[in-house]
Amino acid sequence: MTFARVRALVVVSVLAVLAVAFVVYALVDDSQKGRTLAAQCPEGWPVVDLTLKKSEDIKINVFNATDDVGRAGSVGSDFANRKFQVLKKGNSKTAVDGVAVIRFGPQAVASAHVIRAYFLDEADTEYDPARKDDVVDVIIGDQFKQLATTTEVNQSLVELASQGEPKLPPQTCPAP
């Protein structure tokens, strides 16, 4: 390979990474996504904020559902190092066979969407319409290996966005 080709390949690679970063930034800062009039929301349906949040604005609890002692602490520390607000770390009372389970309520739909990207959309999600807080519970399962890298997270967010994510859960309305 000639020097010119290597240099061109490096330039194209850098531009591709910058393009992905720009798309993720645009998605995170999109202030109009999913907006409708609140008056159209049926009575009793929860209002959901679909605005993607930055990691420092996302609150999570991390629970270990594996036989590995200290797994919640290490994964919680990994999330804290990525600027998430880790509120609790502990053991889960229920087993998780997959990579992870992400549990959330109406106030944490967009936050759960961001968390999904850290598991490359391999975690199961459980939406609870009665939940009133804005915290996401992450339950680590037996198939968990590690959190995704920043580049992988950005690519996963772009891929999820191309699928029209985050989506409104059933019987909810977007926040005005």
Protein backbone atom coordinates (compact mmCIF):
# COMPACT_ATOMS: atom_id res chain seq x y z
CA MET A 1 0.00 0.00 0.00
CA THR A 2 1.38 3.39 -0.91
CA PHE A 3 1.77 6.25 1.52
CA ALA A 4 -0.92 8.24 -0.30
CA ARG A 5 -3.43 5.40 0.09
CA VAL A 6 -2.65 4.99 3.79
CA ARG A 7 -3.04 8.72 4.33
CA ALA A 8 -6.36 8.71 2.43
CA LEU A 9 -7.58 5.76 4.51
CA VAL A 10 -6.69 7.58 7.73
CA VAL A 11 -8.49 10.74 6.58
CA VAL A 12 -11.61 8.77 5.61
CA SER A 13 -11.56 6.94 8.96
CA VAL A 14 -11.27 10.18 10.92
CA LEU A 15 -14.12 11.72 8.91
CA ALA A 16 -16.32 8.66 9.55
CA VAL A 17 -15.74 8.87 13.31
CA LEU A 18 -16.47 12.61 13.28
CA ALA A 19 -19.67 12.00 11.30
CA VAL A 20 -20.88 9.43 13.84
CA ALA A 21 -20.05 11.79 16.71
CA PHE A 22 -21.93 14.63 14.99
CA VAL A 23 -25.03 12.47 14.45
CA VAL A 24 -25.02 11.34 18.09
CA TYR A 25 -24.63 14.96 19.25
CA ALA A 26 -27.52 16.04 17.03
CA LEU A 27 -29.72 13.24 18.39
CA VAL A 28 -28.89 14.02 22.02
CA ASP A 29 -29.57 17.74 21.61
CA ASP A 30 -32.73 17.38 19.48
CA SER A 31 -35.26 19.46 21.41
CA GLN A 32 -38.22 18.78 19.10
CA LYS A 33 -38.16 14.98 18.83
CA GLY A 34 -41.52 13.36 19.59
CA ARG A 35 -43.35 16.53 20.55
CA THR A 36 -47.13 16.72 20.44
CA LEU A 37 -49.70 18.78 22.24
CA ALA A 38 -50.19 17.63 25.83
CA ALA A 39 -53.91 18.29 25.39
CA GLN A 40 -54.11 15.24 23.11
CA CYS A 41 -53.04 12.90 25.91
CA PRO A 42 -55.85 10.74 27.35
CA GLU A 43 -56.48 11.18 31.06
CA GLY A 44 -54.39 8.88 33.24
CA TRP A 45 -51.71 8.17 30.65
CA PRO A 46 -48.18 8.99 31.85
CA VAL A 47 -46.23 11.69 30.07
CA VAL A 48 -42.87 10.47 28.76
CA ASP A 49 -39.80 12.59 28.12
CA LEU A 50 -38.10 11.28 24.95
CA THR A 51 -35.27 13.82 25.02
CA LEU A 52 -31.99 11.94 25.09
CA LYS A 53 -29.85 12.84 28.05
CA LYS A 54 -26.11 13.07 28.52
CA SER A 55 -24.56 10.49 30.83
CA GLU A 56 -24.05 12.98 33.68
CA ASP A 57 -27.83 13.59 33.74
CA ILE A 58 -28.76 9.89 33.95
CA LYS A 59 -29.38 8.21 37.32
CA ILE A 60 -28.92 4.45 37.61
CA ASN A 61 -28.94 1.63 40.12
CA VAL A 62 -26.75 -1.39 39.34
CA PHE A 63 -27.63 -4.85 40.63
CA ASN A 64 -25.74 -8.13 40.28
CA ALA A 65 -27.78 -11.17 39.23
CA THR A 66 -24.73 -13.41 38.72
CA ASP A 67 -22.64 -15.63 40.96
CA ASP A 68 -19.67 -13.26 40.52
CA VAL A 69 -19.16 -11.46 43.82
CA GLY A 70 -18.73 -7.70 43.41
CA ARG A 71 -20.03 -7.53 39.83
CA ALA A 72 -22.46 -4.68 40.68
CA GLY A 73 -19.61 -2.69 42.23
CA SER A 74 -17.32 -3.05 39.23
CA VAL A 75 -20.04 -2.33 36.65
CA GLY A 76 -21.30 0.56 38.79
CA SER A 77 -17.77 1.97 38.87
CA ASP A 78 -17.52 1.60 35.09
CA PHE A 79 -20.74 3.61 34.71
CA ALA A 80 -19.53 6.21 37.26
CA ASN A 81 -16.25 6.56 35.31
CA ARG A 82 -18.43 7.38 32.30
CA LYS A 83 -20.07 10.14 34.35
CA PHE A 84 -23.40 8.42 35.14
CA GLN A 85 -24.97 9.10 38.53
CA VAL A 86 -24.77 5.67 40.19
CA LEU A 87 -27.15 5.77 43.15
CA LYS A 88 -27.12 2.15 44.36
CA LYS A 89 -25.03 -0.97 43.86
CA GLY A 90 -26.10 -4.35 45.20
CA ASN A 91 -27.32 -7.85 44.54
CA SER A 92 -30.51 -8.76 42.70
CA LYS A 93 -33.03 -11.15 44.21
CA THR A 94 -33.88 -12.57 40.77
CA ALA A 95 -31.62 -14.30 38.26
CA VAL A 96 -30.96 -12.91 34.78
CA ASP A 97 -29.93 -15.39 32.11
CA GLY A 98 -29.08 -12.84 29.41
CA VAL A 99 -26.66 -9.93 29.27
CA ALA A 100 -28.73 -7.57 31.43
CA VAL A 101 -32.21 -6.28 32.18
CA ILE A 102 -32.93 -2.56 32.08
CA ARG A 103 -35.96 -1.50 34.17
CA PHE A 104 -37.47 1.96 34.00
CA GLY A 105 -40.61 4.05 34.21
CA PRO A 106 -42.11 6.91 32.17
CA GLN A 107 -39.60 9.51 33.42
CA ALA A 108 -36.61 7.37 32.38
CA VAL A 109 -37.54 6.16 28.87
CA ALA A 110 -34.87 8.24 27.13
CA SER A 111 -32.29 7.41 29.81
CA ALA A 112 -32.98 3.69 29.38
CA HIS A 113 -32.49 4.17 25.65
CA VAL A 114 -29.00 5.56 26.25
CA ILE A 115 -28.20 2.73 28.69
CA ARG A 116 -29.26 0.17 26.03
CA ALA A 117 -26.44 1.45 23.83
CA TYR A 118 -23.89 0.53 26.52
CA PHE A 119 -25.06 -3.07 26.14
CA LEU A 120 -25.16 -2.78 22.31
CA ASP A 121 -28.94 -3.32 22.44
CA GLU A 122 -28.45 -6.84 23.82
CA ALA A 123 -30.09 -6.13 27.19
CA ASP A 124 -33.76 -6.85 27.80
CA THR A 125 -35.94 -3.91 28.77
CA GLU A 126 -38.81 -3.83 31.25
CA TYR A 127 -41.06 -0.78 31.27
CA ASP A 128 -43.15 -0.13 34.40
CA PRO A 129 -45.88 2.49 33.79
CA ALA A 130 -46.51 2.87 37.54
CA ARG A 131 -42.93 3.82 38.35
CA LYS A 132 -42.63 7.49 39.36
CA ASP A 133 -38.85 8.09 39.51
CA ASP A 134 -36.36 8.96 36.77
CA VAL A 135 -33.90 6.21 37.73
CA VAL A 136 -32.93 3.26 35.52
CA ASP A 137 -32.25 -0.10 37.18
CA VAL A 138 -29.55 -2.16 35.48
CA ILE A 139 -29.52 -5.83 36.47
CA ILE A 140 -26.37 -7.56 35.26
CA GLY A 141 -26.90 -11.09 33.92
CA ASP A 142 -24.79 -14.20 33.43
CA GLN A 143 -23.92 -13.39 29.79
CA PHE A 144 -22.52 -9.92 30.55
CA LYS A 145 -18.89 -9.43 29.49
CA GLN A 146 -18.22 -5.66 29.55
CA LEU A 147 -19.75 -2.29 28.75
CA ALA A 148 -19.34 -1.01 25.21
CA THR A 149 -16.60 1.45 24.32
CA THR A 150 -17.44 5.07 23.55
CA THR A 151 -17.18 4.42 19.80
CA GLU A 152 -19.41 1.35 20.07
CA VAL A 153 -21.96 3.32 22.12
CA ASN A 154 -22.05 6.09 19.52
CA GLN A 155 -22.54 3.57 16.72
CA SER A 156 -25.25 1.78 18.70
CA LEU A 157 -27.09 5.07 19.36
CA VAL A 158 -27.00 5.88 15.65
CA GLU A 159 -28.28 2.39 14.80
CA LEU A 160 -31.08 2.65 17.38
CA ALA A 161 -32.01 6.12 16.08
CA SER A 162 -32.27 4.73 12.55
CA GLN A 163 -34.87 2.30 13.93
CA GLY A 164 -36.90 5.23 15.28
CA GLU A 165 -35.76 4.87 18.89
CA PRO A 166 -36.56 5.85 21.55
CA LYS A 167 -40.18 4.88 21.11
CA LEU A 168 -43.13 5.79 23.26
CA PRO A 169 -44.22 2.88 25.44
CA PRO A 170 -47.88 1.80 25.04
CA GLN A 171 -50.51 4.10 26.56
CA THR A 172 -48.12 7.03 27.11
CA CYS A 173 -47.84 10.51 25.66
CA PRO A 174 -44.71 12.50 24.76
CA ALA A 175 -43.82 15.39 27.06
CA PRO A 176 -44.59 18.81 25.59
